[in-house]
């Protein structure tokens, strides 16, 4: 039995039919692991010990009746639990970064999934650039001159915030589009973060593949197809999930990045592949596990808990 704390957005609001965190919790509960949930805002570090305000939960896959809470308690995350699932959604801002510093004080004594230091070191659009030959032409910069030059050279491009999530702020600019400068100004007024500009991949019309990896090994994939005429395929902005098989190129990409994921302790990862190209490596709170299980029967949650249980059983 493992005592499990889940750091997540309010469980009351989850969709029990699509939420990956809920599936991970169902699998833990089925294995007899007691569950607590807590909000990242309740983390409190005092004299080297990390606490939170948490509630024990029992869950069931019935929307609106999916959670029963026990009384709130103060958990010592370095002593009272065995595993912490860090599953709050981005944006990957300073609050998120600070949460990784706090959780790092208890890991690996308490196993945090994913390793908080490595989550902090692997921003999802930046991390993908470490692997030569896997990405389409990509530039990351705040410099309007560099961004404009890339647009002029590549023609049809996609512009997106470096630390955006769920398709937020993604814009397609065709060759010669005069709006790049204005979009850079709008972004700069709201954020000091760089932008990502990437060659547009027409293959996105056929879908943006989400591949789930556990301990660096691919367990399966779903395809996310954008609405007609749209660029963004994220499920939260209207993309539709459908079954898909892994291709030889998908397996080649996974083989290239898998050893580094394992080395970094990134146990549960979702990568995005459009056509033959890797676009993102998602390490914060990857999604898609429910759809994968529904389409193919492949259970990424079970694979993850197998990995967690092996790690907790291994000698220190």
Protein backbone atom coordinates (compact mmCIF):
# COMPACT_ATOMS: atom_id res chain seq x y z
CA UNK A 1 0.00 0.00 0.00
CA UNK A 2 1.27 3.46 -0.97
CA UNK A 3 -0.10 6.67 0.50
CA UNK A 4 -0.66 9.04 -2.41
CA UNK A 5 -1.11 12.82 -2.42
CA UNK A 6 -2.38 14.35 -5.65
CA UNK A 7 -1.54 18.01 -6.25
CA UNK A 8 -4.19 19.11 -8.71
CA UNK A 9 -6.75 21.68 -9.73
CA UNK A 10 -10.14 21.30 -7.99
CA UNK A 11 -11.30 17.69 -8.35
CA UNK A 12 -14.90 18.86 -8.21
CA UNK A 13 -14.56 20.31 -11.72
CA UNK A 14 -12.98 17.36 -13.55
CA UNK A 15 -14.67 15.51 -16.40
CA UNK A 16 -14.55 11.90 -15.23
CA UNK A 17 -14.76 10.60 -18.81
CA UNK A 18 -11.75 12.49 -20.16
CA UNK A 19 -9.50 13.64 -17.31
CA UNK A 20 -6.17 11.79 -17.12
CA UNK A 21 -5.54 12.69 -13.47
CA UNK A 22 -8.87 11.11 -12.54
CA UNK A 23 -7.89 7.90 -14.37
CA UNK A 24 -4.54 7.82 -12.54
CA UNK A 25 -6.41 8.18 -9.25
CA UNK A 26 -8.92 5.44 -10.12
CA UNK A 27 -6.07 3.05 -10.86
CA UNK A 28 -4.32 3.92 -7.58
CA UNK A 29 -7.54 3.42 -5.64
CA UNK A 30 -8.17 0.06 -7.35
CA UNK A 31 -4.73 -1.06 -6.16
CA UNK A 32 -5.57 -0.17 -2.57
CA UNK A 33 -3.53 3.02 -2.36
CA UNK A 34 -5.18 5.68 -0.11
CA UNK A 35 -5.60 9.06 -1.83
CA UNK A 36 -5.47 12.68 -0.66
CA UNK A 37 -5.92 15.78 -2.84
CA UNK A 38 -4.42 19.19 -2.21
CA UNK A 39 -4.12 22.53 -3.94
CA UNK A 40 -0.65 23.84 -4.76
CA UNK A 41 -1.54 27.07 -2.93
CA UNK A 42 -1.66 25.18 0.40
CA UNK A 43 2.01 24.09 0.26
CA UNK A 44 3.91 25.43 3.28
CA UNK A 45 7.65 25.00 3.94
CA UNK A 46 8.71 25.43 7.57
CA UNK A 47 12.03 24.45 9.14
CA UNK A 48 12.85 22.23 6.19
CA UNK A 49 9.55 20.35 6.31
CA UNK A 50 6.90 20.65 3.59
CA UNK A 51 3.26 20.58 4.63
CA UNK A 52 -0.06 21.01 2.86
CA UNK A 53 -3.74 21.07 3.72
CA UNK A 54 -5.24 17.97 2.13
CA UNK A 55 -8.45 15.97 2.07
CA UNK A 56 -8.70 12.19 1.80
CA UNK A 57 -10.94 11.16 -1.09
CA UNK A 58 -12.85 8.20 -2.42
CA UNK A 59 -13.71 8.49 -6.11
CA UNK A 60 -16.06 6.85 -8.59
CA UNK A 61 -16.61 7.37 -12.34
CA UNK A 62 -20.02 9.03 -11.98
CA UNK A 63 -20.03 12.67 -13.06
CA UNK A 64 -21.34 14.95 -10.32
CA UNK A 65 -21.06 12.17 -7.74
CA UNK A 66 -17.44 11.34 -8.46
CA UNK A 67 -15.79 12.32 -5.19
CA UNK A 68 -16.40 11.90 -1.47
CA UNK A 69 -14.19 13.91 0.85
CA UNK A 70 -12.94 13.07 4.31
CA UNK A 71 -12.00 15.73 6.86
CA UNK A 72 -9.21 18.14 5.96
CA UNK A 73 -5.87 17.32 7.52
CA UNK A 74 -2.34 18.74 7.59
CA UNK A 75 0.01 16.39 5.75
CA UNK A 76 3.77 16.32 6.16
CA UNK A 77 4.64 15.55 2.54
CA UNK A 78 8.08 14.27 3.48
CA UNK A 79 6.82 11.82 6.11
CA UNK A 80 3.10 11.09 5.78
CA UNK A 81 2.90 10.02 2.13
CA UNK A 82 4.89 7.81 -0.23
CA UNK A 83 4.03 9.35 -3.60
CA UNK A 84 3.00 12.79 -4.84
CA UNK A 85 1.43 13.19 -8.26
CA UNK A 86 2.19 16.73 -9.45
CA UNK A 87 -0.79 17.21 -11.74
CA UNK A 88 -1.85 20.85 -11.58
CA UNK A 89 -2.33 22.32 -15.05
CA UNK A 90 0.01 24.94 -16.55
CA UNK A 91 0.65 27.83 -17.32
CA UNK A 92 4.30 27.16 -16.58
CA UNK A 93 4.86 30.44 -14.75
CA UNK A 94 6.84 31.42 -11.65
CA UNK A 95 4.13 29.95 -9.40
CA UNK A 96 4.59 26.61 -11.16
CA UNK A 97 8.37 26.89 -10.93
CA UNK A 98 8.13 27.71 -7.21
CA UNK A 99 6.00 24.60 -6.68
CA UNK A 100 8.80 22.50 -8.17
CA UNK A 101 11.30 24.04 -5.74
CA UNK A 102 9.03 23.23 -2.82
CA UNK A 103 8.39 19.64 -3.90
CA UNK A 104 12.10 19.16 -4.53
CA UNK A 105 12.59 19.40 -0.74
CA UNK A 106 10.86 16.02 -0.27
CA UNK A 107 11.86 14.18 -3.46
CA UNK A 108 13.02 11.38 -3.75
CA UNK A 109 12.32 10.48 -0.11
CA UNK A 110 8.73 10.93 -1.18
CA UNK A 111 8.54 10.02 -4.86
CA UNK A 112 7.25 13.01 -6.84
CA UNK A 113 5.93 12.21 -10.32
CA UNK A 114 7.35 13.76 -12.37
CA UNK A 115 10.69 14.65 -10.72
CA UNK A 116 10.11 18.33 -9.86
CA UNK A 117 13.65 19.51 -10.64
CA UNK A 118 13.44 17.91 -14.07
CA UNK A 119 9.99 19.35 -14.73
CA UNK A 120 11.50 22.75 -14.03
CA UNK A 121 14.45 22.00 -16.34
CA UNK A 122 12.33 20.76 -19.23
CA UNK A 123 9.93 23.50 -20.39
CA UNK A 124 7.86 21.71 -22.95
CA UNK A 125 8.59 23.68 -26.12
CA UNK A 126 12.24 24.28 -25.16
CA UNK A 127 12.98 20.70 -24.17
CA UNK A 128 12.09 19.44 -27.65
CA UNK A 129 14.87 21.54 -29.16
CA UNK A 130 17.51 19.36 -27.46
CA UNK A 131 16.93 16.55 -29.97
CA UNK A 132 18.46 17.36 -33.34
CA UNK A 133 16.60 16.29 -36.44
CA UNK A 134 13.27 15.68 -34.74
CA UNK A 135 11.68 19.15 -34.93
CA UNK A 136 10.48 21.21 -37.89
CA UNK A 137 12.36 24.51 -38.39
CA UNK A 138 11.86 26.41 -35.12
CA UNK A 139 13.02 29.69 -33.58
CA UNK A 140 12.58 30.81 -29.96
CA UNK A 141 13.16 34.52 -29.39
CA UNK A 142 11.79 37.84 -28.17
CA UNK A 143 13.67 39.72 -30.88
CA UNK A 144 11.27 41.19 -33.47
CA UNK A 145 14.06 41.26 -36.07
CA UNK A 146 14.87 37.57 -35.61
CA UNK A 147 11.19 36.61 -35.63
CA UNK A 148 10.53 38.62 -38.80
CA UNK A 149 13.57 37.15 -40.51
CA UNK A 150 12.42 33.60 -39.70
CA UNK A 151 8.93 34.39 -41.04
CA UNK A 152 10.42 35.78 -44.25
CA UNK A 153 12.61 32.71 -44.75
CA UNK A 154 10.05 30.04 -43.84
CA UNK A 155 6.88 31.61 -45.21
CA UNK A 156 3.89 29.83 -43.67
CA UNK A 157 4.48 29.66 -39.89
CA UNK A 158 2.83 29.15 -36.52
CA UNK A 159 3.45 31.62 -33.68
CA UNK A 160 2.85 30.62 -30.04
CA UNK A 161 3.81 31.66 -26.50
CA UNK A 162 6.79 29.73 -25.16
CA UNK A 163 5.02 28.75 -21.94
CA UNK A 164 1.47 28.57 -23.25
CA UNK A 165 -0.67 25.47 -22.85
CA UNK A 166 -3.75 23.80 -24.34
CA UNK A 167 -3.40 25.71 -27.61
CA UNK A 168 -3.67 29.12 -25.97
CA UNK A 169 -2.37 31.96 -28.14
CA UNK A 170 -1.44 29.81 -31.16
CA UNK A 171 -1.70 31.75 -34.44
CA UNK A 172 -0.94 30.80 -38.04
CA UNK A 173 0.73 33.43 -40.23
CA UNK A 174 0.96 32.75 -43.94
CA UNK A 175 3.82 34.04 -46.09
CA UNK A 176 3.81 37.83 -46.22
CA UNK A 177 1.22 38.21 -43.46
CA UNK A 178 1.65 41.80 -42.15
CA UNK A 179 0.37 41.06 -38.63
CA UNK A 180 3.51 39.56 -37.09
CA UNK A 181 4.75 42.87 -35.68
CA UNK A 182 1.44 43.65 -34.02
CA UNK A 183 1.23 40.15 -32.50
CA UNK A 184 4.74 40.50 -31.09
CA UNK A 185 3.75 43.83 -29.50
CA UNK A 186 0.57 42.37 -27.99
CA UNK A 187 2.53 39.46 -26.52
CA UNK A 188 5.28 41.76 -25.17
CA UNK A 189 2.69 43.91 -23.41
CA UNK A 190 1.49 40.90 -21.43
CA UNK A 191 4.66 38.85 -20.96
CA UNK A 192 8.46 39.04 -20.96
CA UNK A 193 8.71 35.44 -22.18
CA UNK A 194 9.99 34.68 -25.69
CA UNK A 195 7.79 33.47 -28.51
CA UNK A 196 8.09 30.28 -30.51
CA UNK A 197 7.82 30.57 -34.29
CA UNK A 198 7.73 27.31 -36.20
CA UNK A 199 7.30 26.29 -39.83
CA UNK A 200 3.64 25.43 -40.42
CA UNK A 201 3.06 21.72 -40.99
CA UNK A 202 0.15 21.07 -43.39
CA UNK A 203 -0.04 17.54 -41.95
CA UNK A 204 -1.81 19.05 -38.92
CA UNK A 205 -5.03 18.88 -40.94
CA UNK A 206 -4.83 15.09 -40.53
CA UNK A 207 -4.17 15.43 -36.81
CA UNK A 208 -1.69 16.12 -34.06
CA UNK A 209 -0.66 12.84 -32.47
CA UNK A 210 -0.32 12.58 -28.68
CA UNK A 211 2.02 9.73 -27.74
CA UNK A 212 2.16 8.70 -24.08
CA UNK A 213 5.46 7.37 -22.71
CA UNK A 214 6.01 5.69 -19.35
CA UNK A 215 9.63 5.48 -18.18
CA UNK A 216 10.67 6.54 -21.68
CA UNK A 217 8.76 3.76 -23.45
CA UNK A 218 5.78 4.49 -25.72
CA UNK A 219 2.58 2.83 -24.51
CA UNK A 220 0.25 4.18 -27.20
CA UNK A 221 -1.14 7.21 -28.99
CA UNK A 222 -4.28 9.09 -29.90
CA UNK A 223 -4.82 11.48 -32.79
CA UNK A 224 -6.28 14.94 -32.16
CA UNK A 225 -7.89 16.36 -35.28
CA UNK A 226 -8.54 20.13 -35.47
CA UNK A 227 -11.93 21.48 -36.45
CA UNK A 228 -12.27 22.25 -40.15
CA UNK A 229 -10.21 25.32 -41.02
CA UNK A 230 -8.59 25.47 -37.56
CA UNK A 231 -4.90 25.17 -36.69
CA UNK A 232 -5.18 24.10 -33.05
CA UNK A 233 -5.95 20.45 -32.41
CA UNK A 234 -5.96 20.55 -28.59
CA UNK A 235 -9.03 18.85 -27.17
CA UNK A 236 -9.79 21.86 -24.95
CA UNK A 237 -10.20 24.12 -27.99
CA UNK A 238 -12.34 21.92 -30.19
CA UNK A 239 -10.01 19.17 -31.40
CA UNK A 240 -11.55 15.71 -31.72
CA UNK A 241 -9.76 12.59 -30.50
CA UNK A 242 -9.60 9.47 -32.66
CA UNK A 243 -7.65 6.20 -32.59
CA UNK A 244 -4.28 5.99 -34.33
CA UNK A 245 -1.37 3.57 -34.64
CA UNK A 246 2.27 4.33 -33.96
CA UNK A 247 4.36 4.65 -37.13
CA UNK A 248 8.01 3.75 -37.64
CA UNK A 249 8.83 7.47 -37.43
CA UNK A 250 6.92 7.77 -34.13
CA UNK A 251 8.94 4.89 -32.72
CA UNK A 252 12.16 6.48 -34.00
CA UNK A 253 11.29 9.72 -32.16
CA UNK A 254 10.47 7.82 -28.97
CA UNK A 255 13.72 5.85 -29.16
CA UNK A 256 15.67 9.11 -29.52
CA UNK A 257 14.14 10.83 -26.49
CA UNK A 258 13.32 7.84 -24.25
CA UNK A 259 16.75 7.39 -22.63
CA UNK A 260 16.87 11.06 -21.66
CA UNK A 261 13.37 10.89 -20.16
CA UNK A 262 14.42 7.89 -18.06
CA UNK A 263 17.66 9.57 -16.99
CA UNK A 264 15.72 12.60 -15.80
CA UNK A 265 13.09 10.66 -13.85
CA UNK A 266 10.29 11.86 -16.14
CA UNK A 267 8.03 8.85 -15.67
CA UNK A 268 4.85 10.07 -17.37
CA UNK A 269 5.28 12.13 -20.55
CA UNK A 270 3.12 13.06 -23.52
CA UNK A 271 4.78 14.10 -26.77
CA UNK A 272 3.12 15.82 -29.71
CA UNK A 273 3.94 14.69 -33.24
CA UNK A 274 2.60 16.24 -36.43
CA UNK A 275 3.38 14.24 -39.53
CA UNK A 276 7.01 13.21 -39.07
CA UNK A 277 7.94 15.98 -36.65
CA UNK A 278 8.14 16.33 -32.87
CA UNK A 279 6.63 19.63 -31.73
CA UNK A 280 6.42 19.39 -27.91
CA UNK A 281 7.44 17.19 -24.97
CA UNK A 282 4.81 17.58 -22.23
CA UNK A 283 6.08 16.82 -18.72
CA UNK A 284 3.78 18.85 -16.45
CA UNK A 285 0.35 17.17 -16.54
CA UNK A 286 0.15 15.17 -19.79
CA UNK A 287 -3.32 14.19 -20.98
CA UNK A 288 -4.85 11.65 -23.38
CA UNK A 289 -4.78 8.50 -21.22
CA UNK A 290 -8.56 8.13 -20.99
CA UNK A 291 -9.03 8.40 -24.75
CA UNK A 292 -6.17 5.94 -25.32
CA UNK A 293 -7.78 3.38 -23.02
CA UNK A 294 -11.20 3.87 -24.61
CA UNK A 295 -9.91 3.49 -28.18
CA UNK A 296 -7.37 0.71 -27.77
CA UNK A 297 -7.69 -0.81 -24.33
CA UNK A 298 -4.10 0.28 -23.59
CA UNK A 299 -3.98 1.44 -19.97
CA UNK A 300 -1.29 4.10 -19.48
CA UNK A 301 -2.42 4.58 -15.87
CA UNK A 302 -1.74 0.93 -15.07
CA UNK A 303 1.66 1.18 -16.75
CA UNK A 304 2.52 4.24 -14.67
CA UNK A 305 1.49 2.64 -11.38
CA UNK A 306 3.50 -0.46 -12.25
CA UNK A 307 6.52 1.83 -12.67
CA UNK A 308 5.81 3.76 -9.45
CA UNK A 309 5.38 0.56 -7.44
CA UNK A 310 8.67 -0.82 -8.80
CA UNK A 311 10.46 2.38 -7.80
CA UNK A 312 9.00 2.42 -4.30
CA UNK A 313 9.85 -1.27 -3.81
CA UNK A 314 13.46 -0.85 -4.96
CA UNK A 315 16.13 -0.59 -2.22
CA UNK A 316 17.16 2.99 -1.45
